[in-house]
Protein backbone atom coordinates (compact mmCIF):
# COMPACT_ATOMS: atom_id res chain seq x y z
CA MET A 1 -21.55 6.63 0.98
CA LYS A 2 -21.80 3.32 2.82
CA LYS A 3 -25.46 3.01 1.90
CA SER A 4 -24.76 3.78 -1.78
CA LEU A 5 -21.91 1.31 -1.94
CA LYS A 6 -23.84 -1.41 -0.14
CA SER A 7 -27.00 -1.12 -2.23
CA HIS A 8 -25.72 -0.07 -5.67
CA CYS A 9 -22.16 -1.35 -5.98
CA SER A 10 -20.53 -4.70 -5.47
CA GLU A 11 -19.81 -6.09 -2.02
CA PRO A 12 -16.02 -5.87 -2.52
CA ASN A 13 -16.33 -2.12 -3.13
CA TYR A 14 -18.38 -1.71 0.02
CA ILE A 15 -15.87 -3.70 2.10
CA LEU A 16 -12.98 -1.71 0.60
CA PHE A 17 -14.63 1.54 1.70
CA LEU A 18 -15.51 0.10 5.10
CA LEU A 19 -11.91 -1.00 5.71
CA GLY A 20 -10.57 2.28 4.37
CA ILE A 21 -12.56 4.51 6.71
CA ASN A 22 -12.02 2.23 9.71
CA THR A 23 -8.30 1.53 9.40
CA GLY A 24 -6.73 4.56 7.75
CA LEU A 25 -4.69 2.37 5.41
CA ARG A 26 -3.62 3.73 2.05
CA VAL A 27 -5.56 2.22 -0.83
CA GLY A 28 -2.44 0.46 -2.12
CA ASP A 29 -2.08 -1.35 1.19
CA LEU A 30 -5.75 -2.32 1.21
CA LEU A 31 -5.54 -3.71 -2.31
CA ARG A 32 -2.56 -5.93 -1.41
CA LEU A 33 -4.52 -7.81 1.27
CA LYS A 34 -5.35 -11.45 0.74
CA VAL A 35 -8.30 -13.28 2.29
CA ALA A 36 -5.94 -15.28 4.53
CA ASP A 37 -4.59 -12.00 5.95
CA VAL A 38 -7.95 -11.13 7.52
CA ARG A 39 -10.00 -14.31 7.87
CA GLY A 40 -10.95 -14.83 11.51
CA LYS A 41 -8.69 -12.05 12.78
CA GLN A 42 -9.46 -9.13 15.04
CA LYS A 43 -6.14 -7.49 14.23
CA VAL A 44 -3.65 -7.71 11.39
CA VAL A 45 0.00 -6.69 11.24
CA ILE A 46 1.03 -5.38 7.84
CA ARG A 47 4.06 -3.70 6.34
CA GLU A 48 2.97 -0.46 4.71
CA GLY A 49 3.99 -0.11 1.08
CA LYS A 50 5.02 3.54 1.17
CA THR A 51 6.87 3.70 4.49
CA ARG A 52 7.87 0.01 4.76
CA LYS A 53 6.97 0.25 8.46
CA GLN A 54 4.99 -2.40 10.31
CA ARG A 55 1.57 -1.37 11.48
CA THR A 56 -1.11 -3.15 13.49
CA ILE A 57 -4.60 -2.76 12.12
CA TYR A 58 -7.59 -3.46 14.36
CA LEU A 59 -10.60 -4.99 12.64
CA SER A 60 -12.98 -5.43 15.58
CA ASN A 61 -15.42 -2.73 14.43
CA VAL A 62 -15.72 -4.28 10.94
CA TYR A 63 -15.14 -7.90 11.90
CA ASP A 64 -18.68 -9.24 11.36
CA GLU A 65 -19.15 -7.72 7.90
CA LEU A 66 -15.64 -8.70 6.86
CA ALA A 67 -16.19 -12.29 8.10
CA MET A 68 -19.39 -12.60 6.07
CA TYR A 69 -17.63 -11.23 2.98
CA VAL A 70 -14.68 -13.65 3.13
CA GLU A 71 -16.80 -16.66 4.09
CA SER A 72 -17.03 -18.06 0.56
CA LEU A 73 -13.64 -16.83 -0.71
CA PRO A 74 -10.54 -19.05 -0.78
CA ASP A 75 -7.67 -18.05 1.52
CA SER A 76 -5.33 -17.67 -1.44
CA SER A 77 -7.44 -15.09 -3.26
CA TRP A 78 -7.09 -11.34 -3.12
CA LEU A 79 -9.47 -9.60 -0.76
CA PHE A 80 -10.45 -7.32 -3.65
CA PRO A 81 -9.90 -9.44 -6.78
CA SER A 82 -10.10 -8.15 -10.31
CA ARG A 83 -12.57 -9.83 -12.65
CA LYS A 84 -9.95 -12.34 -13.72
CA GLY A 85 -8.95 -12.90 -10.10
CA GLU A 86 -5.24 -13.12 -10.82
CA ASN A 87 -4.58 -9.66 -9.38
CA PRO A 88 -6.37 -7.27 -7.06
CA ILE A 89 -8.43 -4.46 -8.56
CA SER A 90 -6.38 -1.46 -9.56
CA ARG A 91 -6.25 1.85 -7.74
CA VAL A 92 -8.03 3.36 -10.74
CA GLN A 93 -10.88 0.86 -10.42
CA ALA A 94 -11.17 1.55 -6.68
CA TYR A 95 -11.26 5.28 -7.44
CA ARG A 96 -13.97 4.84 -10.09
CA GLN A 97 -16.18 2.88 -7.69
CA LEU A 98 -15.84 5.57 -5.00
CA ILE A 99 -16.72 8.27 -7.54
CA LYS A 100 -19.76 6.24 -8.62
CA ALA A 101 -20.90 5.79 -5.01
CA GLY A 102 -20.27 9.48 -4.30
CA ASP A 103 -22.47 10.45 -7.25
CA MET A 104 -25.24 8.16 -5.97
CA ALA A 105 -24.93 9.71 -2.50
CA ASP A 106 -25.13 13.23 -3.99
CA ILE A 107 -21.46 13.94 -3.27
CA PRO A 108 -20.42 14.96 -6.78
CA GLU A 109 -16.83 15.97 -6.10
CA GLY A 110 -14.04 15.72 -3.60
CA ILE A 111 -14.15 11.93 -3.27
CA GLY A 112 -11.14 9.77 -3.96
CA THR A 113 -9.31 6.81 -2.59
CA HIS A 114 -7.32 9.01 -0.23
CA THR A 115 -10.58 10.38 1.17
CA MET A 116 -11.01 7.14 3.11
CA ARG A 117 -7.70 7.66 4.94
CA LYS A 118 -8.48 11.29 5.71
CA THR A 119 -11.97 10.36 6.93
CA PHE A 120 -10.47 7.82 9.30
CA GLY A 121 -8.09 10.48 10.63
CA TYR A 122 -10.78 13.11 11.03
CA TRP A 123 -13.12 10.87 13.02
CA HIS A 124 -10.29 9.35 15.06
CA TYR A 125 -9.24 12.85 16.08
CA LYS A 126 -12.81 13.95 16.84
CA GLN A 127 -13.33 10.88 19.04
CA PHE A 128 -10.01 10.72 20.91
CA LYS A 129 -8.49 14.22 20.51
CA ASP A 130 -5.08 12.51 20.34
CA VAL A 131 -3.11 14.13 17.56
CA ALA A 132 0.14 12.45 18.69
CA GLU A 133 -1.33 8.97 18.15
CA LEU A 134 -2.74 9.99 14.79
CA GLN A 135 0.59 11.52 13.81
CA MET A 136 2.24 8.15 14.54
CA ILE A 137 -0.44 6.24 12.60
CA PHE A 138 0.03 8.48 9.56
CA ASN A 139 3.81 8.73 10.02
CA HIS A 140 3.72 12.53 9.81
CA SER A 141 6.65 14.67 10.90
CA HIS A 142 4.67 17.19 12.97
CA PRO A 143 1.23 17.39 14.63
CA LYS A 144 0.39 20.45 12.52
CA VAL A 145 0.92 18.38 9.36
CA THR A 146 -1.55 15.80 10.69
CA LEU A 147 -4.17 18.39 11.62
CA THR A 148 -3.89 20.08 8.24
CA TYR A 149 -4.08 16.71 6.50
CA ILE A 150 -7.38 15.81 8.19
CA GLY A 151 -8.83 19.29 7.76
CA ILE A 152 -8.80 20.48 11.37
CA LEU A 153 -8.41 24.25 11.56
CA GLU A 154 -6.34 25.96 14.23
CA GLU A 155 -9.48 27.65 15.58
CA GLU A 156 -11.04 24.23 16.17
CA VAL A 157 -7.95 23.03 18.04
CA GLU A 158 -8.03 26.06 20.33
CA THR A 159 -11.64 25.39 21.35
CA ILE A 160 -10.97 21.81 22.41
């Protein structure tokens, strides 16, 4: 996916995907970011749109690519501007770009904007095995909800 987005789609679409799979933010929260929110920062504190809760997002693993992307953009602009630049791209446009990249990467179905959030959760769990932390990040009511959400089966949990 990253390769398809980087080589066949625009840089903003690649950065959107990169941030999505590395932060676990909902697409609506990603689209509301401005350049000034991320320029030169290793971490960002945002207020999530759905839950209205504050959340700290760490950007260290995407910092270099993000810094290169925002280098020529004004602080006041959206991180993912529409063609006119007055607003960010829409969720529909973000979805279409992911579908396009998925097709190019021979992933014909099952890709959407929420896939980025679930991918973050899946790999976070595989790396740290900390469902409680992930439950807090996703604001889920129960660890089982989180495991189901990221596609971890009970048999997999038992073998860990």
